[in-house]
């Protein structure tokens, strides 16, 4: 298992005053289950860079301990805001093909999932061949079958 980055979710912020003096600190930014949290730890308030970083890491670790991440299964079944099809892992794709003076457009419903070995799998269904509704139904079915076979 890979080691966790000690500065994950922590950023260094430095700025200069009009007089040319530098001010800085560490900012913790995190999002868990839709709730965003951020807190700034200034060097001056904690007696230097190292102490501010230790305070920020302690805050972040405490926050991670209290809040639960989404599982891979929960994320896979939750549609994002960008999802237009209404089904996770199913999207409408169009392809433009230029041949001389002519331009052709091909529309596909694409199903996408991760197999049991962690590899991405896709299957597409042409709207021209199957019709829009049938291609969509087949893509949804292919995704459901692929996820079931992967046992994820």
N, C-alpha and C. Protein backbone atom coordinates (compact mmCIF):
# COMPACT_ATOMS: atom_id res chain seq x y z
N UNK A 1 0.85 -1.19 0.00
CA UNK A 1 0.00 0.00 0.00
C UNK A 1 0.89 1.25 0.00
N UNK A 2 0.55 2.20 -0.82
CA UNK A 2 1.33 3.42 -0.93
C UNK A 2 1.19 4.28 0.33
N UNK A 3 2.27 4.96 0.66
CA UNK A 3 2.24 5.87 1.81
C UNK A 3 1.42 7.10 1.49
N UNK A 4 0.73 7.62 2.48
CA UNK A 4 -0.05 8.83 2.28
C UNK A 4 0.87 10.04 2.25
N UNK A 5 0.54 10.99 1.42
CA UNK A 5 1.28 12.24 1.34
C UNK A 5 1.06 13.03 2.63
N UNK A 6 2.12 13.41 3.35
CA UNK A 6 1.95 14.13 4.62
C UNK A 6 1.32 15.52 4.45
N UNK A 7 1.35 16.06 3.23
CA UNK A 7 0.78 17.39 3.00
C UNK A 7 -0.50 17.32 2.17
N UNK A 8 -1.16 16.14 2.11
CA UNK A 8 -2.40 16.03 1.35
C UNK A 8 -3.44 16.98 1.95
N UNK A 9 -4.19 17.63 1.09
CA UNK A 9 -5.24 18.59 1.47
C UNK A 9 -4.70 19.82 2.20
N UNK A 10 -3.39 20.04 2.14
CA UNK A 10 -2.78 21.20 2.79
C UNK A 10 -1.99 21.97 1.74
N UNK A 11 -2.21 23.29 1.68
CA UNK A 11 -1.51 24.14 0.71
C UNK A 11 -0.77 25.25 1.44
N UNK A 12 0.35 25.63 0.88
CA UNK A 12 1.13 26.76 1.42
C UNK A 12 0.66 28.03 0.73
N UNK A 13 0.37 29.06 1.54
CA UNK A 13 -0.06 30.35 1.00
C UNK A 13 0.87 31.42 1.55
N UNK A 14 1.46 32.19 0.64
CA UNK A 14 2.34 33.29 1.04
C UNK A 14 1.95 34.54 0.28
N UNK A 15 2.01 35.67 0.97
CA UNK A 15 1.66 36.95 0.35
C UNK A 15 2.57 38.03 0.93
N UNK A 16 2.73 39.11 0.18
CA UNK A 16 3.57 40.22 0.63
C UNK A 16 2.71 41.44 0.95
N UNK A 17 3.08 42.12 2.03
CA UNK A 17 2.38 43.36 2.39
C UNK A 17 2.89 44.48 1.50
N UNK A 18 2.20 45.63 1.48
CA UNK A 18 2.69 46.76 0.68
C UNK A 18 4.09 47.20 1.09
N UNK A 19 4.46 46.95 2.35
CA UNK A 19 5.79 47.33 2.83
C UNK A 19 6.85 46.31 2.42
N UNK A 20 6.43 45.21 1.82
CA UNK A 20 7.39 44.21 1.34
C UNK A 20 7.62 43.06 2.31
N UNK A 21 6.89 43.05 3.44
CA UNK A 21 7.05 41.96 4.40
C UNK A 21 6.20 40.76 3.97
N UNK A 22 6.79 39.55 4.10
CA UNK A 22 6.07 38.36 3.68
C UNK A 22 5.27 37.77 4.84
N UNK A 23 4.01 37.41 4.54
CA UNK A 23 3.14 36.73 5.50
C UNK A 23 2.76 35.40 4.87
N UNK A 24 2.65 34.38 5.70
CA UNK A 24 2.28 33.08 5.13
C UNK A 24 1.65 32.16 6.15
N UNK A 25 1.26 31.02 5.64
CA UNK A 25 0.67 30.01 6.48
C UNK A 25 0.23 28.82 5.65
N UNK A 26 -0.41 27.89 6.31
CA UNK A 26 -0.87 26.66 5.67
C UNK A 26 -2.40 26.63 5.71
N UNK A 27 -2.99 26.24 4.59
CA UNK A 27 -4.45 26.16 4.54
C UNK A 27 -4.87 24.70 4.30
N UNK A 28 -5.80 24.25 5.13
CA UNK A 28 -6.37 22.91 4.99
C UNK A 28 -7.69 23.07 4.26
N UNK A 29 -7.84 22.34 3.15
CA UNK A 29 -9.09 22.35 2.39
C UNK A 29 -9.50 20.91 2.14
N UNK A 30 -10.75 20.61 2.49
CA UNK A 30 -11.22 19.24 2.38
C UNK A 30 -12.71 19.21 2.09
N UNK A 31 -13.14 18.18 1.38
CA UNK A 31 -14.56 17.99 1.15
C UNK A 31 -14.89 16.54 1.44
N UNK A 32 -15.87 16.34 2.30
CA UNK A 32 -16.33 15.00 2.65
C UNK A 32 -17.85 14.98 2.61
N UNK A 33 -18.40 14.07 1.81
CA UNK A 33 -19.85 13.89 1.70
C UNK A 33 -20.57 15.20 1.39
N UNK A 34 -19.97 15.99 0.50
CA UNK A 34 -20.59 17.23 0.05
C UNK A 34 -20.34 18.44 0.93
N UNK A 35 -19.70 18.26 2.09
CA UNK A 35 -19.45 19.38 3.00
C UNK A 35 -18.00 19.83 2.86
N UNK A 36 -17.83 21.12 2.52
CA UNK A 36 -16.48 21.68 2.37
C UNK A 36 -16.02 22.30 3.68
N UNK A 37 -14.76 22.06 4.01
CA UNK A 37 -14.15 22.63 5.21
C UNK A 37 -12.81 23.23 4.83
N UNK A 38 -12.55 24.42 5.31
CA UNK A 38 -11.23 25.01 5.11
C UNK A 38 -10.86 25.84 6.33
N UNK A 39 -9.56 25.81 6.65
CA UNK A 39 -9.07 26.55 7.80
C UNK A 39 -7.63 26.95 7.53
N UNK A 40 -7.29 28.17 7.94
CA UNK A 40 -5.95 28.72 7.70
C UNK A 40 -5.15 28.72 8.99
N UNK A 41 -3.89 28.32 8.91
CA UNK A 41 -2.98 28.28 10.06
C UNK A 41 -1.78 29.18 9.73
N UNK A 42 -1.78 30.40 10.30
CA UNK A 42 -0.74 31.37 9.95
C UNK A 42 0.55 31.07 10.70
N UNK A 43 1.66 31.39 10.06
CA UNK A 43 2.98 31.20 10.68
C UNK A 43 3.09 32.04 11.96
N UNK A 44 2.61 33.28 11.90
CA UNK A 44 2.69 34.18 13.06
C UNK A 44 1.88 33.65 14.24
N UNK A 45 0.73 33.12 13.98
CA UNK A 45 -0.15 32.64 15.04
C UNK A 45 0.33 31.37 15.72
N UNK A 46 1.20 30.62 15.05
CA UNK A 46 1.66 29.34 15.60
C UNK A 46 3.17 29.32 15.86
N UNK A 47 3.82 30.48 15.74
CA UNK A 47 5.26 30.55 16.07
C UNK A 47 6.17 29.97 15.01
N UNK A 48 5.82 30.09 13.75
CA UNK A 48 6.71 29.65 12.67
C UNK A 48 6.04 28.65 11.73
N UNK A 49 6.77 28.41 10.61
CA UNK A 49 6.26 27.53 9.56
C UNK A 49 6.01 26.11 10.05
N UNK A 50 6.99 25.55 10.75
CA UNK A 50 6.89 24.15 11.17
C UNK A 50 5.73 23.93 12.14
N UNK A 51 5.59 24.83 13.11
CA UNK A 51 4.50 24.68 14.08
C UNK A 51 3.14 24.85 13.41
N UNK A 52 3.05 25.78 12.46
CA UNK A 52 1.79 25.98 11.73
C UNK A 52 1.45 24.75 10.90
N UNK A 53 2.47 24.15 10.28
CA UNK A 53 2.25 22.94 9.48
C UNK A 53 1.79 21.78 10.37
N UNK A 54 2.42 21.63 11.54
CA UNK A 54 2.02 20.56 12.46
C UNK A 54 0.57 20.75 12.92
N UNK A 55 0.19 21.98 13.19
CA UNK A 55 -1.19 22.27 13.61
C UNK A 55 -2.17 21.95 12.47
N UNK A 56 -1.80 22.32 11.25
CA UNK A 56 -2.64 22.05 10.09
C UNK A 56 -2.79 20.55 9.87
N UNK A 57 -1.69 19.81 10.01
CA UNK A 57 -1.75 18.35 9.84
C UNK A 57 -2.62 17.71 10.92
N UNK A 58 -2.50 18.20 12.14
CA UNK A 58 -3.33 17.68 13.23
C UNK A 58 -4.80 17.93 12.98
N UNK A 59 -5.13 19.13 12.51
CA UNK A 59 -6.51 19.48 12.20
C UNK A 59 -7.05 18.57 11.09
N UNK A 60 -6.23 18.41 10.03
CA UNK A 60 -6.63 17.56 8.90
C UNK A 60 -6.83 16.10 9.33
N UNK A 61 -5.91 15.58 10.13
CA UNK A 61 -6.02 14.19 10.59
C UNK A 61 -7.27 13.99 11.44
N UNK A 62 -7.56 14.96 12.29
CA UNK A 62 -8.76 14.90 13.13
C UNK A 62 -10.02 14.92 12.27
N UNK A 63 -10.01 15.78 11.26
CA UNK A 63 -11.14 15.90 10.35
C UNK A 63 -11.35 14.59 9.57
N UNK A 64 -10.26 13.99 9.09
CA UNK A 64 -10.33 12.72 8.36
C UNK A 64 -10.89 11.61 9.24
N UNK A 65 -10.48 11.62 10.50
CA UNK A 65 -10.92 10.59 11.44
C UNK A 65 -12.42 10.68 11.71
N UNK A 66 -12.92 11.92 11.84
CA UNK A 66 -14.33 12.13 12.16
C UNK A 66 -15.26 11.92 10.97
N UNK A 67 -14.78 12.25 9.77
CA UNK A 67 -15.66 12.19 8.60
C UNK A 67 -15.34 10.97 7.75
N UNK A 68 -16.38 10.41 7.16
CA UNK A 68 -16.26 9.19 6.38
C UNK A 68 -16.26 9.52 4.89
N UNK A 69 -15.33 8.92 4.15
CA UNK A 69 -15.28 9.09 2.70
C UNK A 69 -16.36 8.24 2.05
N UNK A 70 -16.71 8.59 0.80
CA UNK A 70 -17.57 7.73 0.02
C UNK A 70 -16.78 6.48 -0.35
N UNK A 71 -17.43 5.34 -0.36
CA UNK A 71 -16.78 4.12 -0.84
C UNK A 71 -16.80 4.15 -2.36
N UNK A 72 -15.99 3.29 -2.98
CA UNK A 72 -15.95 3.21 -4.44
C UNK A 72 -17.33 2.82 -4.97
N UNK A 73 -17.99 1.93 -4.27
CA UNK A 73 -19.32 1.48 -4.70
C UNK A 73 -20.33 2.63 -4.62
N UNK A 74 -20.26 3.43 -3.55
CA UNK A 74 -21.17 4.58 -3.42
C UNK A 74 -20.93 5.60 -4.53
N UNK A 75 -19.64 5.86 -4.83
CA UNK A 75 -19.32 6.83 -5.90
C UNK A 75 -19.79 6.34 -7.26
N UNK A 76 -19.67 5.03 -7.50
CA UNK A 76 -20.05 4.47 -8.79
C UNK A 76 -21.55 4.52 -9.02
N UNK A 77 -22.34 4.57 -7.96
CA UNK A 77 -23.79 4.58 -8.14
C UNK A 77 -24.39 5.97 -8.01
N UNK A 78 -23.56 6.96 -7.78
CA UNK A 78 -24.03 8.32 -7.57
C UNK A 78 -23.76 9.18 -8.80
N UNK A 79 -24.81 9.64 -9.49
CA UNK A 79 -24.57 10.44 -10.70
C UNK A 79 -23.96 11.81 -10.35
N UNK A 80 -23.05 12.25 -11.18
CA UNK A 80 -22.46 13.58 -10.98
C UNK A 80 -23.39 14.63 -11.55
N UNK A 81 -23.11 15.89 -11.25
CA UNK A 81 -23.93 16.99 -11.76
C UNK A 81 -23.83 17.08 -13.28
N UNK A 82 -22.72 16.59 -13.85
CA UNK A 82 -22.51 16.66 -15.29
C UNK A 82 -23.23 15.56 -16.05
N UNK A 83 -23.76 14.57 -15.34
CA UNK A 83 -24.42 13.45 -15.99
C UNK A 83 -25.72 13.90 -16.64
N UNK A 84 -25.83 13.69 -17.93
CA UNK A 84 -27.02 14.11 -18.68
C UNK A 84 -27.93 12.94 -19.02
N UNK A 85 -27.42 11.71 -18.91
CA UNK A 85 -28.24 10.55 -19.30
C UNK A 85 -29.13 10.07 -18.18
N UNK A 86 -28.77 10.38 -16.95
CA UNK A 86 -29.55 9.91 -15.81
C UNK A 86 -29.08 8.57 -15.28
N UNK A 87 -28.13 7.94 -15.97
CA UNK A 87 -27.58 6.65 -15.54
C UNK A 87 -26.07 6.80 -15.44
N UNK A 88 -25.52 6.42 -14.29
CA UNK A 88 -24.07 6.50 -14.09
C UNK A 88 -23.38 5.58 -15.10
N UNK A 89 -22.34 6.08 -15.75
CA UNK A 89 -21.56 5.28 -16.69
C UNK A 89 -22.15 5.15 -18.08
N UNK A 90 -23.21 5.90 -18.37
CA UNK A 90 -23.81 5.88 -19.71
C UNK A 90 -23.85 7.31 -20.21
N UNK A 91 -23.32 7.50 -21.43
CA UNK A 91 -23.27 8.86 -21.98
C UNK A 91 -23.53 8.82 -23.48
N UNK A 92 -23.98 9.95 -23.99
CA UNK A 92 -24.21 10.11 -25.42
C UNK A 92 -22.94 10.70 -26.02
N UNK A 93 -22.47 10.10 -27.10
CA UNK A 93 -21.23 10.55 -27.74
C UNK A 93 -21.50 10.80 -29.21
N UNK A 94 -20.95 11.90 -29.72
CA UNK A 94 -21.08 12.11 -31.17
C UNK A 94 -19.70 12.24 -31.78
N UNK A 95 -19.59 11.74 -32.99
CA UNK A 95 -18.32 11.73 -33.69
C UNK A 95 -18.50 12.44 -35.02
N UNK A 96 -17.58 13.31 -35.34
CA UNK A 96 -17.64 14.08 -36.58
C UNK A 96 -16.61 13.50 -37.54
N UNK A 97 -17.05 13.22 -38.74
CA UNK A 97 -16.18 12.62 -39.75
C UNK A 97 -16.21 13.49 -41.01
N UNK A 98 -15.08 14.09 -41.35
CA UNK A 98 -15.00 14.94 -42.55
C UNK A 98 -14.39 14.15 -43.69
N UNK A 99 -15.11 14.12 -44.79
CA UNK A 99 -14.61 13.43 -46.00
C UNK A 99 -14.77 14.38 -47.18
N UNK A 100 -13.68 15.03 -47.52
CA UNK A 100 -13.74 15.99 -48.62
C UNK A 100 -14.65 17.15 -48.25
N UNK A 101 -15.67 17.39 -49.08
CA UNK A 101 -16.61 18.48 -48.84
C UNK A 101 -17.74 18.09 -47.90
N UNK A 102 -17.82 16.82 -47.56
CA UNK A 102 -18.93 16.33 -46.75
C UNK A 102 -18.52 16.11 -45.30
N UNK A 103 -19.45 16.40 -44.40
CA UNK A 103 -19.23 16.15 -42.97
C UNK A 103 -20.34 15.22 -42.50
N UNK A 104 -19.95 14.13 -41.86
CA UNK A 104 -20.90 13.16 -41.33
C UNK A 104 -20.83 13.17 -39.80
N UNK A 105 -21.97 13.03 -39.18
CA UNK A 105 -22.05 12.95 -37.72
C UNK A 105 -22.59 11.58 -37.34
N UNK A 106 -21.92 10.95 -36.41
CA UNK A 106 -22.35 9.65 -35.91
C UNK A 106 -22.64 9.79 -34.42
N UNK A 107 -23.78 9.30 -33.97
CA UNK A 107 -24.17 9.38 -32.57
C UNK A 107 -24.20 7.98 -31.96
N UNK A 108 -23.64 7.88 -30.76
CA UNK A 108 -23.58 6.61 -30.05
C UNK A 108 -23.97 6.80 -28.59
N UNK A 109 -24.59 5.77 -28.01
CA UNK A 109 -24.73 5.71 -26.55
C UNK A 109 -23.60 4.79 -26.09
N UNK A 110 -22.80 5.28 -25.14
CA UNK A 110 -21.62 4.55 -24.67
C UNK A 110 -21.81 4.15 -23.21
N UNK A 111 -21.56 2.87 -22.94
CA UNK A 111 -21.57 2.35 -21.57
C UNK A 111 -20.12 2.20 -21.12
N UNK A 112 -19.84 2.56 -19.88
CA UNK A 112 -18.47 2.50 -19.37
C UNK A 112 -18.49 1.98 -17.95
N UNK A 113 -17.54 1.09 -17.63
CA UNK A 113 -17.42 0.54 -16.28
C UNK A 113 -16.00 0.05 -16.07
N UNK A 114 -15.69 -0.33 -14.85
CA UNK A 114 -14.38 -0.88 -14.52
C UNK A 114 -14.55 -2.36 -14.24
N UNK A 115 -13.74 -3.19 -14.89
CA UNK A 115 -13.87 -4.63 -14.70
C UNK A 115 -13.24 -5.07 -13.37
N UNK A 116 -13.26 -6.35 -13.10
CA UNK A 116 -12.75 -6.89 -11.85
C UNK A 116 -11.25 -6.70 -11.66
N UNK A 117 -10.52 -6.38 -12.73
CA UNK A 117 -9.07 -6.17 -12.65
C UNK A 117 -8.70 -4.69 -12.64
N UNK A 118 -9.71 -3.82 -12.54
CA UNK A 118 -9.45 -2.39 -12.48
C UNK A 118 -9.27 -1.73 -13.83
N UNK A 119 -9.54 -2.46 -14.93
CA UNK A 119 -9.41 -1.88 -16.27
C UNK A 119 -10.74 -1.30 -16.73
N UNK A 120 -10.66 -0.18 -17.43
CA UNK A 120 -11.86 0.46 -17.96
C UNK A 120 -12.36 -0.30 -19.17
N UNK A 121 -13.65 -0.54 -19.19
CA UNK A 121 -14.30 -1.21 -20.31
C UNK A 121 -15.38 -0.29 -20.88
N UNK A 122 -15.51 -0.28 -22.20
CA UNK A 122 -16.55 0.52 -22.84
C UNK A 122 -17.24 -0.32 -23.91
N UNK A 123 -18.48 0.00 -24.12
CA UNK A 123 -19.23 -0.63 -25.20
C UNK A 123 -20.16 0.44 -25.75
N UNK A 124 -20.18 0.58 -27.08
CA UNK A 124 -21.00 1.64 -27.66
C UNK A 124 -22.05 1.04 -28.61
N UNK A 125 -23.16 1.77 -28.71
CA UNK A 125 -24.30 1.35 -29.51
C UNK A 125 -24.72 2.51 -30.39
N UNK A 126 -24.72 2.29 -31.69
CA UNK A 126 -25.02 3.32 -32.67
C UNK A 126 -26.50 3.68 -32.69
N UNK A 127 -26.77 4.97 -32.64
CA UNK A 127 -28.16 5.45 -32.76
C UNK A 127 -28.68 5.22 -34.18
N UNK A 128 -27.78 5.24 -35.16
CA UNK A 128 -28.17 5.01 -36.55
C UNK A 128 -28.63 3.56 -36.73
N UNK A 129 -27.91 2.63 -36.12
CA UNK A 129 -28.23 1.21 -36.27
C UNK A 129 -29.44 0.79 -35.45
N UNK A 130 -29.46 1.19 -34.17
CA UNK A 130 -30.49 0.72 -33.26
C UNK A 130 -31.65 1.70 -33.02
N UNK A 131 -31.43 2.95 -33.37
CA UNK A 131 -32.38 3.99 -32.99
C UNK A 131 -31.97 4.52 -31.62
N UNK A 132 -32.34 5.74 -31.32
CA UNK A 132 -31.87 6.40 -30.10
C UNK A 132 -32.29 5.66 -28.82
N UNK A 133 -33.56 5.35 -28.70
CA UNK A 133 -34.07 4.73 -27.48
C UNK A 133 -33.51 3.33 -27.25
N UNK A 134 -33.43 2.54 -28.32
CA UNK A 134 -32.91 1.17 -28.20
C UNK A 134 -31.41 1.18 -27.89
N UNK A 135 -30.66 2.10 -28.52
CA UNK A 135 -29.22 2.21 -28.26
C UNK A 135 -28.98 2.59 -26.80
N UNK A 136 -29.80 3.50 -26.29
CA UNK A 136 -29.71 3.90 -24.88
C UNK A 136 -30.01 2.72 -23.96
N UNK A 137 -31.07 1.99 -24.26
CA UNK A 137 -31.45 0.83 -23.44
C UNK A 137 -30.34 -0.22 -23.44
N UNK A 138 -29.76 -0.49 -24.62
CA UNK A 138 -28.67 -1.47 -24.72
C UNK A 138 -27.43 -1.02 -23.94
N UNK A 139 -27.14 0.28 -23.98
CA UNK A 139 -25.98 0.80 -23.23
C UNK A 139 -26.20 0.64 -21.73
N UNK A 140 -27.39 0.95 -21.26
CA UNK A 140 -27.72 0.79 -19.84
C UNK A 140 -27.60 -0.67 -19.42
N UNK A 141 -28.10 -1.55 -20.27
CA UNK A 141 -28.05 -2.98 -20.00
C UNK A 141 -26.60 -3.48 -19.97
N UNK A 142 -25.78 -3.02 -20.92
CA UNK A 142 -24.37 -3.43 -20.98
C UNK A 142 -23.62 -2.98 -19.74
N UNK A 143 -23.87 -1.75 -19.30
CA UNK A 143 -23.22 -1.24 -18.09
C UNK A 143 -23.61 -2.07 -16.87
N UNK A 144 -24.91 -2.33 -16.74
CA UNK A 144 -25.41 -3.11 -15.60
C UNK A 144 -24.77 -4.51 -15.59
N UNK A 145 -24.71 -5.15 -16.75
CA UNK A 145 -24.13 -6.48 -16.86
C UNK A 145 -22.62 -6.46 -16.54
N UNK A 146 -21.92 -5.44 -17.07
CA UNK A 146 -20.48 -5.32 -16.82
C UNK A 146 -20.16 -5.11 -15.35
N UNK A 147 -20.92 -4.26 -14.69
CA UNK A 147 -20.70 -3.99 -13.26
C UNK A 147 -21.00 -5.25 -12.43
N UNK A 148 -22.07 -5.97 -12.84
CA UNK A 148 -22.43 -7.20 -12.13
C UNK A 148 -21.33 -8.26 -12.27
N UNK A 149 -20.78 -8.41 -13.46
CA UNK A 149 -19.70 -9.39 -13.69
C UNK A 149 -18.43 -9.01 -12.94
N UNK A 150 -18.18 -7.72 -12.79
CA UNK A 150 -16.97 -7.26 -12.09
C UNK A 150 -17.08 -7.47 -10.58
N UNK A 151 -18.30 -7.61 -10.08
CA UNK A 151 -18.55 -7.82 -8.65
C UNK A 151 -17.90 -6.71 -7.81
N UNK A 152 -18.11 -5.47 -8.26
CA UNK A 152 -17.54 -4.31 -7.55
C UNK A 152 -18.62 -3.60 -6.80
